[in-house]
PDB file of N, CA and C in Angstrom:
ATOM      1  N   UNK A   1     132.519 109.346-137.101  1.00  0.00           N
ATOM      2  CA  UNK A   1     132.901 108.255-136.503  1.00  0.00           C
ATOM      3  C   UNK A   1     132.060 107.630-135.590  1.00  0.00           C
ATOM      4  N   UNK A   2     132.237 106.202-135.877  1.00  0.00           N
ATOM      5  CA  UNK A   2     131.891 105.038-134.775  1.00  0.00           C
ATOM      6  C   UNK A   2     132.368 104.641-134.105  1.00  0.00           C
ATOM      7  N   UNK A   3     132.241 104.128-132.393  1.00  0.00           N
ATOM      8  CA  UNK A   3     132.964 103.479-132.155  1.00  0.00           C
ATOM      9  C   UNK A   3     132.491 101.909-132.045  1.00  0.00           C
ATOM     10  N   UNK A   4     133.455 100.942-132.394  1.00  0.00           N
ATOM     11  CA  UNK A   4     133.298  99.818-132.097  1.00  0.00           C
ATOM     12  C   UNK A   4     134.239  99.008-131.132  1.00  0.00           C
ATOM     13  N   UNK A   5     133.330  98.214-130.485  1.00  0.00           N
ATOM     14  CA  UNK A   5     134.031  97.223-129.379  1.00  0.00           C
ATOM     15  C   UNK A   5     134.321  95.933-129.920  1.00  0.00           C
ATOM     16  N   UNK A   6     135.651  95.393-130.127  1.00  0.00           N
ATOM     17  CA  UNK A   6     136.427  94.461-130.926  1.00  0.00           C
ATOM     18  C   UNK A   6     137.131  94.041-129.483  1.00  0.00           C
ATOM     19  N   UNK A   7     136.596  92.432-129.274  1.00  0.00           N
ATOM     20  CA  UNK A   7     136.580  91.469-127.802  1.00  0.00           C
ATOM     21  C   UNK A   7     136.675  90.088-128.037  1.00  0.00           C
ATOM     22  N   UNK A   8     137.285  89.338-127.530  1.00  0.00           N
ATOM     23  CA  UNK A   8     137.508  87.843-127.358  1.00  0.00           C
ATOM     24  C   UNK A   8     137.055  87.236-125.737  1.00  0.00           C
ATOM     25  N   UNK A   9     136.743  86.273-125.813  1.00  0.00           N
ATOM     26  CA  UNK A   9     136.528  85.419-124.934  1.00  0.00           C
ATOM     27  C   UNK A   9     137.278  85.235-123.713  1.00  0.00           C
ATOM     28  N   UNK A  10     137.170  85.057-122.802  1.00  0.00           N
ATOM     29  CA  UNK A  10     137.921  84.311-121.765  1.00  0.00           C
ATOM     30  C   UNK A  10     138.204  82.854-121.786  1.00  0.00           C
ATOM     31  N   UNK A  11     139.536  82.446-122.221  1.00  0.00           N
ATOM     32  CA  UNK A  11     139.929  81.232-122.578  1.00  0.00           C
ATOM     33  C   UNK A  11     140.223  81.044-123.906  1.00  0.00           C
ATOM     34  N   UNK A  12     139.940  82.266-124.838  1.00  0.00           N
ATOM     35  CA  UNK A  12     140.087  82.068-126.079  1.00  0.00           C
ATOM     36  C   UNK A  12     141.627  81.766-126.602  1.00  0.00           C
ATOM     37  N   UNK A  13     142.760  82.315-125.509  1.00  0.00           N
ATOM     38  CA  UNK A  13     143.958  81.816-125.809  1.00  0.00           C
ATOM     39  C   UNK A  13     144.689  81.151-125.247  1.00  0.00           C
ATOM     40  N   UNK A  14     143.712  79.930-124.790  1.00  0.00           N
ATOM     41  CA  UNK A  14     144.147  78.883-123.760  1.00  0.00           C
ATOM     42  C   UNK A  14     145.399  78.069-124.432  1.00  0.00           C
ATOM     43  N   UNK A  15     144.886  77.881-125.728  1.00  0.00           N
ATOM     44  CA  UNK A  15     145.500  77.006-126.911  1.00  0.00           C
ATOM     45  C   UNK A  15     147.151  77.527-127.204  1.00  0.00           C
ATOM     46  N   UNK A  16     147.531  78.526-126.967  1.00  0.00           N
ATOM     47  CA  UNK A  16     148.528  79.187-127.015  1.00  0.00           C
ATOM     48  C   UNK A  16     149.691  78.588-126.159  1.00  0.00           C
ATOM     49  N   UNK A  17     150.712  77.784-126.561  1.00  0.00           N
ATOM     50  CA  UNK A  17     151.874  77.135-125.536  1.00  0.00           C
ATOM     51  C   UNK A  17     151.964  78.574-124.610  1.00  0.00           C
ATOM     52  N   UNK A  18     152.611  78.284-123.615  1.00  0.00           N
ATOM     53  CA  UNK A  18     153.352  79.298-122.818  1.00  0.00           C
ATOM     54  C   UNK A  18     154.403  80.075-123.193  1.00  0.00           C
ATOM     55  N   UNK A  19     155.368  79.558-123.932  1.00  0.00           N
ATOM     56  CA  UNK A  19     156.307  79.742-124.289  1.00  0.00           C
ATOM     57  C   UNK A  19     156.242  80.871-125.446  1.00  0.00           C
ATOM     58  N   UNK A  20     154.924  80.736-126.102  1.00  0.00           N
ATOM     59  CA  UNK A  20     154.452  81.690-127.319  1.00  0.00           C
ATOM     60  C   UNK A  20     154.211  83.093-127.044  1.00  0.00           C
ATOM     61  N   UNK A  21     153.476  83.033-125.601  1.00  0.00           N
ATOM     62  CA  UNK A  21     152.867  83.814-124.843  1.00  0.00           C
ATOM     63  C   UNK A  21     153.695  85.302-125.006  1.00  0.00           C
ATOM     64  N   UNK A  22     154.986  85.394-124.817  1.00  0.00           N
ATOM     65  CA  UNK A  22     155.663  86.725-124.703  1.00  0.00           C
ATOM     66  C   UNK A  22     155.635  87.256-126.463  1.00  0.00           C
ATOM     67  N   UNK A  23     155.458  86.728-127.351  1.00  0.00           N
ATOM     68  CA  UNK A  23     155.280  86.736-128.920  1.00  0.00           C
ATOM     69  C   UNK A  23     154.446  87.240-129.152  1.00  0.00           C
ATOM     70  N   UNK A  24     153.378  86.410-128.522  1.00  0.00           N
ATOM     71  CA  UNK A  24     151.703  87.135-129.065  1.00  0.00           C
ATOM     72  C   UNK A  24     151.462  88.737-127.934  1.00  0.00           C
ATOM     73  N   UNK A  25     152.183  88.415-126.980  1.00  0.00           N
ATOM     74  CA  UNK A  25     152.251  89.815-126.169  1.00  0.00           C
ATOM     75  C   UNK A  25     152.784  91.451-126.852  1.00  0.00           C
ATOM     76  N   UNK A  26     153.769  91.059-127.183  1.00  0.00           N
ATOM     77  CA  UNK A  26     154.733  91.338-128.224  1.00  0.00           C
ATOM     78  C   UNK A  26     153.584  92.298-129.739  1.00  0.00           C
ATOM     79  N   UNK A  27     153.138  91.145-130.496  1.00  0.00           N
ATOM     80  CA  UNK A  27     152.370  91.421-131.383  1.00  0.00           C
ATOM     81  C   UNK A  27     151.026  92.003-131.075  1.00  0.00           C
ATOM     82  N   UNK A  28     150.466  91.698-130.117  1.00  0.00           N
ATOM     83  CA  UNK A  28     149.476  92.440-129.893  1.00  0.00           C
ATOM     84  C   UNK A  28     149.460  93.809-129.273  1.00  0.00           C
ATOM     85  N   UNK A  29     150.463  94.382-128.566  1.00  0.00           N
ATOM     86  CA  UNK A  29     151.310  95.521-128.390  1.00  0.00           C
ATOM     87  C   UNK A  29     151.155  96.426-129.515  1.00  0.00           C
ATOM     88  N   UNK A  30     151.974  95.986-130.310  1.00  0.00           N
ATOM     89  CA  UNK A  30     152.242  96.147-131.816  1.00  0.00           C
ATOM     90  C   UNK A  30     150.771  96.493-132.564  1.00  0.00           C
ATOM     91  N   UNK A  31     150.214  95.759-132.468  1.00  0.00           N
ATOM     92  CA  UNK A  31     148.964  96.207-133.410  1.00  0.00           C
ATOM     93  C   UNK A  31     148.116  97.274-132.388  1.00  0.00           C
ATOM     94  N   UNK A  32     148.422  96.956-131.164  1.00  0.00           N
ATOM     95  CA  UNK A  32     147.153  98.364-130.728  1.00  0.00           C
ATOM     96  C   UNK A  32     148.042  99.505-130.533  1.00  0.00           C
ATOM     97  N   UNK A  33     149.280  99.590-130.784  1.00  0.00           N
ATOM     98  CA  UNK A  33     150.264 100.780-131.166  1.00  0.00           C
ATOM     99  C   UNK A  33     149.843 101.324-132.656  1.00  0.00           C
ATOM    100  N   UNK A  34     149.580 100.604-133.655  1.00  0.00           N
ATOM    101  CA  UNK A  34     149.283 100.875-134.684  1.00  0.00           C
ATOM    102  C   UNK A  34     147.827 101.392-134.570  1.00  0.00           C
ATOM    103  N   UNK A  35     146.941 101.129-133.728  1.00  0.00           N
ATOM    104  CA  UNK A  35     145.593 101.652-133.767  1.00  0.00           C
ATOM    105  C   UNK A  35     145.809 102.952-133.328  1.00  0.00           C
ATOM    106  N   UNK A  36     147.210 103.478-131.915  1.00  0.00           N
ATOM    107  CA  UNK A  36     147.223 104.570-131.615  1.00  0.00           C
ATOM    108  C   UNK A  36     147.774 105.352-132.420  1.00  0.00           C
ATOM    109  N   UNK A  37     149.000 105.026-133.209  1.00  0.00           N
ATOM    110  CA  UNK A  37     149.456 105.885-134.258  1.00  0.00           C
ATOM    111  C   UNK A  37     148.356 106.271-135.267  1.00  0.00           C
ATOM    112  N   UNK A  38     147.218 105.754-135.687  1.00  0.00           N
ATOM    113  CA  UNK A  38     146.422 105.767-136.785  1.00  0.00           C
ATOM    114  C   UNK A  38     144.985 106.635-136.107  1.00  0.00           C
ATOM    115  N   UNK A  39     145.590 106.960-135.030  1.00  0.00           N
ATOM    116  CA  UNK A  39     144.312 107.779-134.000  1.00  0.00           C
ATOM    117  C   UNK A  39     143.041 107.358-133.707  1.00  0.00           C
ATOM    118  N   UNK A  40     142.372 105.806-134.171  1.00  0.00           N
ATOM    119  CA  UNK A  40     141.463 105.440-134.140  1.00  0.00           C
ATOM    120  C   UNK A  40     140.883 104.464-132.441  1.00  0.00           C
ATOM    121  N   UNK A  41     142.340 104.673-131.983  1.00  0.00           N
ATOM    122  CA  UNK A  41     142.170 103.745-130.296  1.00  0.00           C
ATOM    123  C   UNK A  41     141.758 104.704-129.180  1.00  0.00           C
ATOM    124  N   UNK A  42     140.835 104.101-129.016  1.00  0.00           N
ATOM    125  CA  UNK A  42     139.965 104.535-127.659  1.00  0.00           C
ATOM    126  C   UNK A  42     140.456 103.773-126.318  1.00  0.00           C
ATOM    127  N   UNK A  43     140.325 102.968-126.296  1.00  0.00           N
ATOM    128  CA  UNK A  43     140.810 102.093-124.800  1.00  0.00           C
ATOM    129  C   UNK A  43     140.503 100.839-125.150  1.00  0.00           C
ATOM    130  N   UNK A  44     141.362 100.092-124.265  1.00  0.00           N
ATOM    131  CA  UNK A  44     141.269  98.646-124.214  1.00  0.00           C
ATOM    132  C   UNK A  44     142.320  97.623-123.633  1.00  0.00           C
ATOM    133  N   UNK A  45     142.092  96.479-122.912  1.00  0.00           N
ATOM    134  CA  UNK A  45     143.033  95.751-121.963  1.00  0.00           C
ATOM    135  C   UNK A  45     142.448  94.267-122.011  1.00  0.00           C
ATOM    136  N   UNK A  46     143.166  93.399-121.472  1.00  0.00           N
ATOM    137  CA  UNK A  46     142.542  92.333-120.877  1.00  0.00           C
ATOM    138  C   UNK A  46     142.010  92.229-119.654  1.00  0.00           C
ATOM    139  N   UNK A  47     141.274  91.434-119.424  1.00  0.00           N
ATOM    140  CA  UNK A  47     140.825  91.266-118.041  1.00  0.00           C
ATOM    141  C   UNK A  47     140.999  90.037-117.095  1.00  0.00           C
ATOM    142  N   UNK A  48     141.004  89.941-115.951  1.00  0.00           N
ATOM    143  CA  UNK A  48     141.234  89.032-114.978  1.00  0.00           C
ATOM    144  C   UNK A  48     140.282  88.197-115.332  1.00  0.00           C
ATOM    145  N   UNK A  49     141.040  86.759-115.266  1.00  0.00           N
ATOM    146  CA  UNK A  49     140.020  85.566-115.500  1.00  0.00           C
ATOM    147  C   UNK A  49     138.965  85.200-114.211  1.00  0.00           C
ATOM    148  N   UNK A  50     137.665  85.351-114.288  1.00  0.00           N
ATOM    149  CA  UNK A  50     136.804  85.166-113.599  1.00  0.00           C
ATOM    150  C   UNK A  50     136.731  86.153-112.464  1.00  0.00           C
ATOM    151  N   UNK A  51     137.220  87.680-112.370  1.00  0.00           N
ATOM    152  CA  UNK A  51     137.369  87.908-111.260  1.00  0.00           C
ATOM    153  C   UNK A  51     136.172  89.420-111.305  1.00  0.00           C
ATOM    154  N   UNK A  52     135.022  88.922-111.706  1.00  0.00           N
ATOM    155  CA  UNK A  52     133.818  90.039-111.517  1.00  0.00           C
ATOM    156  C   UNK A  52     132.937  90.098-110.676  1.00  0.00           C
ATOM    157  N   UNK A  53     132.490  90.946-110.197  1.00  0.00           N
ATOM    158  CA  UNK A  53     131.253  91.165-109.363  1.00  0.00           C
ATOM    159  C   UNK A  53     129.850  91.542-109.689  1.00  0.00           C
ATOM    160  N   UNK A  54     129.095  90.869-109.719  1.00  0.00           N
ATOM    161  CA  UNK A  54     127.574  91.054-110.268  1.00  0.00           C
ATOM    162  C   UNK A  54     126.838  92.231-109.565  1.00  0.00           C
ATOM    163  N   UNK A  55     126.464  93.622-109.270  1.00  0.00           N
ATOM    164  CA  UNK A  55     125.788  94.412-108.955  1.00  0.00           C
ATOM    165  C   UNK A  55     124.486  94.423-108.954  1.00  0.00           C
ATOM    166  N   UNK A  56     123.370  94.054-108.671  1.00  0.00           N
ATOM    167  CA  UNK A  56     122.316  93.767-108.942  1.00  0.00           C
ATOM    168  C   UNK A  56     121.265  95.422-108.742  1.00  0.00           C
ATOM    169  N   UNK A  57     120.284  95.510-109.152  1.00  0.00           N
ATOM    170  CA  UNK A  57     119.779  96.762-108.811  1.00  0.00           C
ATOM    171  C   UNK A  57     118.886  97.092-107.605  1.00  0.00           C
ATOM    172  N   UNK A  58     118.931  96.427-106.710  1.00  0.00           N
ATOM    173  CA  UNK A  58     118.702  96.469-105.441  1.00  0.00           C
ATOM    174  C   UNK A  58     120.134  96.592-104.565  1.00  0.00           C
ATOM    175  N   UNK A  59     121.374  96.868-105.258  1.00  0.00           N
ATOM    176  CA  UNK A  59     122.435  97.012-104.553  1.00  0.00           C
ATOM    177  C   UNK A  59     123.398  95.820-104.017  1.00  0.00           C
ATOM    178  N   UNK A  60     122.213  94.430-103.725  1.00  0.00           N
ATOM    179  CA  UNK A  60     123.090  93.259-104.050  1.00  0.00           C
ATOM    180  C   UNK A  60     124.450  93.184-104.848  1.00  0.00           C
ATOM    181  N   UNK A  61     125.476  92.456-104.038  1.00  0.00           N
ATOM    182  CA  UNK A  61     126.430  92.105-104.748  1.00  0.00           C
ATOM    183  C   UNK A  61     127.066  91.005-104.857  1.00  0.00           C
ATOM    184  N   UNK A  62     127.125  90.379-105.626  1.00  0.00           N
ATOM    185  CA  UNK A  62     127.571  88.608-106.049  1.00  0.00           C
ATOM    186  C   UNK A  62     129.114  88.645-106.733  1.00  0.00           C
ATOM    187  N   UNK A  63     129.762  87.627-106.154  1.00  0.00           N
ATOM    188  CA  UNK A  63     130.821  87.048-106.808  1.00  0.00           C
ATOM    189  C   UNK A  63     130.519  86.159-108.211  1.00  0.00           C
ATOM    190  N   UNK A  64     131.523  86.790-109.152  1.00  0.00           N
ATOM    191  CA  UNK A  64     131.530  86.004-110.650  1.00  0.00           C
ATOM    192  C   UNK A  64     130.162  86.522-111.160  1.00  0.00           C
ATOM    193  N   UNK A  65     130.585  86.149-112.676  1.00  0.00           N
ATOM    194  CA  UNK A  65     129.273  86.213-113.269  1.00  0.00           C
ATOM    195  C   UNK A  65     128.231  85.258-112.776  1.00  0.00           C
ATOM    196  N   UNK A  66     126.824  85.686-113.339  1.00  0.00           N
ATOM    197  CA  UNK A  66     125.820  84.913-112.991  1.00  0.00           C
ATOM    198  C   UNK A  66     126.371  83.413-113.676  1.00  0.00           C
ATOM    199  N   UNK A  67     125.544  82.354-112.805  1.00  0.00           N
ATOM    200  CA  UNK A  67     125.794  81.091-112.836  1.00  0.00           C
ATOM    201  C   UNK A  67     125.542  80.773-114.487  1.00  0.00           C
ATOM    202  N   UNK A  68     124.666  81.136-115.095  1.00  0.00           N
ATOM    203  CA  UNK A  68     124.027  80.665-116.709  1.00  0.00           C
ATOM    204  C   UNK A  68     125.095  81.069-117.642  1.00  0.00           C
ATOM    205  N   UNK A  69     125.670  81.947-116.967  1.00  0.00           N
ATOM    206  CA  UNK A  69     127.058  82.892-118.299  1.00  0.00           C
ATOM    207  C   UNK A  69     127.945  81.875-118.577  1.00  0.00           C
ATOM    208  N   UNK A  70     127.833  81.454-119.686  1.00  0.00           N
ATOM    209  CA  UNK A  70     128.674  80.543-120.695  1.00  0.00           C
ATOM    210  C   UNK A  70     130.080  81.171-121.186  1.00  0.00           C
ATOM    211  N   UNK A  71     130.098  82.472-121.773  1.00  0.00           N
ATOM    212  CA  UNK A  71     131.425  82.625-121.903  1.00  0.00           C
ATOM    213  C   UNK A  71     131.199  84.374-121.333  1.00  0.00           C
ATOM    214  N   UNK A  72     132.621  84.548-120.997  1.00  0.00           N
ATOM    215  CA  UNK A  72     132.646  86.329-120.739  1.00  0.00           C
ATOM    216  C   UNK A  72     133.966  86.695-120.904  1.00  0.00           C
ATOM    217  N   UNK A  73     134.301  88.075-121.202  1.00  0.00           N
ATOM    218  CA  UNK A  73     135.183  88.637-122.185  1.00  0.00           C
ATOM    219  C   UNK A  73     135.996  88.483-121.600  1.00  0.00           C
ATOM    220  N   UNK A  74     137.336  88.473-122.008  1.00  0.00           N
ATOM    221  CA  UNK A  74     138.779  88.094-121.683  1.00  0.00           C
ATOM    222  C   UNK A  74     139.199  89.010-122.096  1.00  0.00           C
ATOM    223  N   UNK A  75     139.230  90.153-123.079  1.00  0.00           N
ATOM    224  CA  UNK A  75     139.665  91.336-123.416  1.00  0.00           C
ATOM    225  C   UNK A  75     139.322  91.968-124.373  1.00  0.00           C
ATOM    226  N   UNK A  76     139.909  93.377-124.292  1.00  0.00           N
ATOM    227  CA  UNK A  76     138.742  94.299-125.499  1.00  0.00           C
ATOM    228  C   UNK A  76     139.787  95.480-126.044  1.00  0.00           C
ATOM    229  N   UNK A  77     139.118  95.928-127.066  1.00  0.00           N
ATOM    230  CA  UNK A  77     139.702  96.946-127.290  1.00  0.00           C
ATOM    231  C   UNK A  77     138.589  97.665-128.330  1.00  0.00           C
ATOM    232  N   UNK A  78     138.479  99.024-127.998  1.00  0.00           N
ATOM    233  CA  UNK A  78     137.642  99.960-128.505  1.00  0.00           C
ATOM    234  C   UNK A  78     138.190 101.089-129.690  1.00  0.00           C
ATOM    235  N   UNK A  79     137.575 100.781-130.974  1.00  0.00           N
ATOM    236  CA  UNK A  79     138.034 102.063-132.090  1.00  0.00           C
ATOM    237  C   UNK A  79     137.056 102.846-132.382  1.00  0.00           C
ATOM    238  N   UNK A  80     137.931 104.146-132.980  1.00  0.00           N
ATOM    239  CA  UNK A  80     136.729 104.978-133.523  1.00  0.00           C
ATOM    240  C   UNK A  80     136.905 105.103-134.697  1.00  0.00           C
ATOM    241  N   UNK A  81     136.252 104.515-135.654  1.00  0.00           N
ATOM    242  CA  UNK A  81     136.669 104.356-137.105  1.00  0.00           C
ATOM    243  C   UNK A  81     135.863 104.933-137.815  1.00  0.00           C
ATOM    244  N   UNK A  82     135.264 104.910-139.179  1.00  0.00           N
ATOM    245  CA  UNK A  82     134.436 105.436-140.133  1.00  0.00           C
ATOM    246  C   UNK A  82     133.577 104.981-140.347  1.00  0.00           C
ATOM    247  N   UNK A  83     133.825 103.123-140.296  1.00  0.00           N
ATOM    248  CA  UNK A  83     133.279 102.120-140.783  1.00  0.00           C
ATOM    249  C   UNK A  83     133.193 101.013-140.320  1.00  0.00           C
ATOM    250  N   UNK A  84     131.821  99.937-140.443  1.00  0.00           N
ATOM    251  CA  UNK A  84     132.205  98.542-139.786  1.00  0.00           C
ATOM    252  C   UNK A  84     133.362  97.947-140.280  1.00  0.00           C
ATOM    253  N   UNK A  85     133.751  98.415-141.798  1.00  0.00           N
ATOM    254  CA  UNK A  85     134.384  97.407-142.486  1.00  0.00           C
ATOM    255  C   UNK A  85     135.838  97.688-142.439  1.00  0.00           C
ATOM    256  N   UNK A  86     136.141  98.798-141.500  1.00  0.00           N
ATOM    257  CA  UNK A  86     137.269  99.412-140.986  1.00  0.00           C
ATOM    258  C   UNK A  86     137.742  98.866-139.849  1.00  0.00           C
ATOM    259  N   UNK A  87     136.754  98.900-138.842  1.00  0.00           N
ATOM    260  CA  UNK A  87     136.575  97.934-137.462  1.00  0.00           C
ATOM    261  C   UNK A  87     136.743  96.552-137.635  1.00  0.00           C
ATOM    262  N   UNK A  88     136.554  95.828-139.118  1.00  0.00           N
ATOM    263  CA  UNK A  88     136.740  94.758-139.059  1.00  0.00           C
ATOM    264  C   UNK A  88     138.152  94.717-139.666  1.00  0.00           C
ATOM    265  N   UNK A  89     138.907  95.181-140.283  1.00  0.00           N
ATOM    266  CA  UNK A  89     140.267  95.127-140.287  1.00  0.00           C
ATOM    267  C   UNK A  89     140.820  95.426-139.298  1.00  0.00           C
ATOM    268  N   UNK A  90     140.319  96.226-138.379  1.00  0.00           N
ATOM    269  CA  UNK A  90     141.385  96.321-137.256  1.00  0.00           C
ATOM    270  C   UNK A  90     141.428  95.144-136.264  1.00  0.00           C
ATOM    271  N   UNK A  91     140.217  94.375-136.240  1.00  0.00           N
ATOM    272  CA  UNK A  91     139.777  93.088-135.783  1.00  0.00           C
ATOM    273  C   UNK A  91     140.184  91.984-136.339  1.00  0.00           C
ATOM    274  N   UNK A  92     140.805  92.130-137.619  1.00  0.00           N
ATOM    275  CA  UNK A  92     141.571  91.102-138.392  1.00  0.00           C
ATOM    276  C   UNK A  92     142.874  91.438-137.598  1.00  0.00           C
ATOM    277  N   UNK A  93     143.716  92.196-137.538  1.00  0.00           N
ATOM    278  CA  UNK A  93     144.963  92.531-136.992  1.00  0.00           C
ATOM    279  C   UNK A  93     144.951  92.395-135.599  1.00  0.00           C
ATOM    280  N   UNK A  94     144.117  92.619-134.795  1.00  0.00           N
ATOM    281  CA  UNK A  94     144.224  91.840-133.591  1.00  0.00           C
ATOM    282  C   UNK A  94     144.045  90.502-133.339  1.00  0.00           C
ATOM    283  N   UNK A  95     143.281  90.095-134.208  1.00  0.00           N
ATOM    284  CA  UNK A  95     143.164  88.411-134.185  1.00  0.00           C
ATOM    285  C   UNK A  95     144.160  87.761-134.717  1.00  0.00           C
ATOM    286  N   UNK A  96     145.010  88.362-135.869  1.00  0.00           N
ATOM    287  CA  UNK A  96     146.153  87.223-135.981  1.00  0.00           C
ATOM    288  C   UNK A  96     147.105  87.556-134.787  1.00  0.00           C
ATOM    289  N   UNK A  97     147.391  89.013-134.285  1.00  0.00           N
ATOM    290  CA  UNK A  97     148.153  89.052-132.861  1.00  0.00           C
ATOM    291  C   UNK A  97     147.993  88.621-131.627  1.00  0.00           C
ATOM    292  N   UNK A  98     146.630  88.090-131.577  1.00  0.00           N
ATOM    293  CA  UNK A  98     146.534  87.823-130.059  1.00  0.00           C
ATOM    294  C   UNK A  98     146.056  85.758-130.709  1.00  0.00           C
ATOM    295  N   UNK A  99     146.277  85.992-131.909  1.00  0.00           N
ATOM    296  CA  UNK A  99     145.811  84.279-131.992  1.00  0.00           C
ATOM    297  C   UNK A  99     144.387  83.585-131.724  1.00  0.00           C
ATOM    298  N   UNK A 100     143.476  84.347-131.898  1.00  0.00           N
ATOM    299  CA  UNK A 100     142.186  84.159-131.566  1.00  0.00           C
ATOM    300  C   UNK A 100     141.306  84.890-132.054  1.00  0.00           C
ATOM    301  N   UNK A 101     139.823  84.381-132.601  1.00  0.00           N
ATOM    302  CA  UNK A 101     138.764  84.966-133.058  1.00  0.00           C
ATOM    303  C   UNK A 101     138.726  86.262-132.336  1.00  0.00           C
ATOM    304  N   UNK A 102     138.107  87.255-132.985  1.00  0.00           N
ATOM    305  CA  UNK A 102     137.495  88.595-132.436  1.00  0.00           C
ATOM    306  C   UNK A 102     135.873  88.654-132.438  1.00  0.00           C
ATOM    307  N   UNK A 103     135.553  89.333-131.542  1.00  0.00           N
ATOM    308  CA  UNK A 103     133.682  89.685-132.053  1.00  0.00           C
ATOM    309  C   UNK A 103     133.871  90.944-132.333  1.00  0.00           C
ATOM    310  N   UNK A 104     133.120  91.768-133.211  1.00  0.00           N
ATOM    311  CA  UNK A 104     132.924  93.350-133.449  1.00  0.00           C
ATOM    312  C   UNK A 104     131.639  93.741-133.296  1.00  0.00           C
ATOM    313  N   UNK A 105     131.098  94.997-132.403  1.00  0.00           N
ATOM    314  CA  UNK A 105     130.154  94.952-132.029  1.00  0.00           C
ATOM    315  C   UNK A 105     130.050  96.627-132.304  1.00  0.00           C
ATOM    316  N   UNK A 106     129.103  97.509-132.634  1.00  0.00           N
ATOM    317  CA  UNK A 106     129.118  98.384-132.987  1.00  0.00           C
ATOM    318  C   UNK A 106     128.791  98.995-131.309  1.00  0.00           C
ATOM    319  N   UNK A 107     129.187 100.207-130.681  1.00  0.00           N
ATOM    320  CA  UNK A 107     128.396 100.827-129.639  1.00  0.00           C
ATOM    321  C   UNK A 107     127.610 101.831-129.836  1.00  0.00           C
ATOM    322  N   UNK A 108     126.972 101.957-129.477  1.00  0.00           N
ATOM    323  CA  UNK A 108     125.498 103.013-129.909  1.00  0.00           C
ATOM    324  C   UNK A 108     125.814 104.330-129.803  1.00  0.00           C
ATOM    325  N   UNK A 109     125.392 104.995-130.565  1.00  0.00           N
ATOM    326  CA  UNK A 109     126.038 106.171-130.376  1.00  0.00           C
ATOM    327  C   UNK A 109     125.285 107.375-129.257  1.00  0.00           C
ATOM    328  N   UNK A 110     125.846 107.863-128.305  1.00  0.00           N
ATOM    329  CA  UNK A 110     124.827 108.683-127.245  1.00  0.00           C
ATOM    330  C   UNK A 110     125.546 109.968-127.258  1.00  0.00           C
ATOM    331  N   UNK A 111     124.943 111.017-127.563  1.00  0.00           N
ATOM    332  CA  UNK A 111     125.459 112.189-127.959  1.00  0.00           C
ATOM    333  C   UNK A 111     125.549 112.997-126.128  1.00  0.00           C
ATOM    334  N   UNK A 112     124.794 112.667-125.641  1.00  0.00           N
ATOM    335  CA  UNK A 112     124.860 113.134-124.189  1.00  0.00           C
ATOM    336  C   UNK A 112     125.637 113.328-123.415  1.00  0.00           C
ATOM    337  N   UNK A 113     126.224 111.448-123.432  1.00  0.00           N
ATOM    338  CA  UNK A 113     127.355 111.047-122.994  1.00  0.00           C
ATOM    339  C   UNK A 113     128.565 111.487-123.550  1.00  0.00           C
ATOM    340  N   UNK A 114     128.844 111.566-124.997  1.00  0.00           N
ATOM    341  CA  UNK A 114     129.396 111.830-125.723  1.00  0.00           C
ATOM    342  C   UNK A 114     129.903 113.722-125.133  1.00  0.00           C
ATOM    343  N   UNK A 115     128.855 114.415-124.796  1.00  0.00           N
ATOM    344  CA  UNK A 115     129.170 116.002-124.404  1.00  0.00           C
ATOM    345  C   UNK A 115     129.822 115.860-122.865  1.00  0.00           C
ATOM    346  N   UNK A 116     129.199 114.872-122.290  1.00  0.00           N
ATOM    347  CA  UNK A 116     129.884 114.782-120.964  1.00  0.00           C
ATOM    348  C   UNK A 116     131.132 114.529-121.114  1.00  0.00           C
ATOM    349  N   UNK A 117     131.699 113.490-121.664  1.00  0.00           N
ATOM    350  CA  UNK A 117     133.252 112.725-121.958  1.00  0.00           C
ATOM    351  C   UNK A 117     133.801 114.423-122.541  1.00  0.00           C
ATOM    352  N   UNK A 118     133.022 115.016-123.396  1.00  0.00           N
ATOM    353  CA  UNK A 118     134.158 115.905-123.775  1.00  0.00           C
ATOM    354  C   UNK A 118     134.224 117.497-122.842  1.00  0.00           C
ATOM    355  N   UNK A 119     133.177 117.418-121.768  1.00  0.00           N
ATOM    356  CA  UNK A 119     133.228 118.441-120.907  1.00  0.00           C
ATOM    357  C   UNK A 119     134.424 117.851-119.781  1.00  0.00           C
ATOM    358  N   UNK A 120     134.489 116.546-119.480  1.00  0.00           N
ATOM    359  CA  UNK A 120     135.455 116.244-118.110  1.00  0.00           C
ATOM    360  C   UNK A 120     136.989 116.272-119.061  1.00  0.00           C
ATOM    361  N   UNK A 121     136.818 115.886-120.087  1.00  0.00           N
ATOM    362  CA  UNK A 121     138.668 115.950-121.151  1.00  0.00           C
ATOM    363  C   UNK A 121     138.934 117.384-120.955  1.00  0.00           C
ATOM    364  N   UNK A 122     137.937 118.444-121.208  1.00  0.00           N
ATOM    365  CA  UNK A 122     138.633 120.095-120.891  1.00  0.00           C
ATOM    366  C   UNK A 122     138.876 120.042-119.751  1.00  0.00           C
ATOM    367  N   UNK A 123     138.473 119.403-118.926  1.00  0.00           N
ATOM    368  CA  UNK A 123     138.700 119.762-117.306  1.00  0.00           C
ATOM    369  C   UNK A 123     139.801 119.740-116.974  1.00  0.00           C
ATOM    370  N   UNK A 124     140.459 118.539-117.674  1.00  0.00           N
ATOM    371  CA  UNK A 124     141.859 117.927-117.423  1.00  0.00           C
ATOM    372  C   UNK A 124     142.791 118.508-117.534  1.00  0.00           C
TER     373      UNK A 124
END
């Protein structure tokens, strides 16, 4: 199985009228529950608007994204599926629920990190 990041940009849902947001939330939660029930859900959530800190390699911390950043992630889901086509199908469900386009990117496989995660989970 391969993990995919399905994400949308901050502000991508700004076109949705406030009175429609509860319905969008219900639809988004239903799509996520479907992924959980299908066994492909890894993790996901929405991000607070522009409340990021950037930590440089020297340890210096600055507030917010770099000034040249034009877009930041507003929310994301990570799924573990057999193919890119399956990831695109989940992204379609999420796009319909959230009423905004979704970006799909494959997460690089890292067997060493997977082994560390497996060890951590077995200790719980």
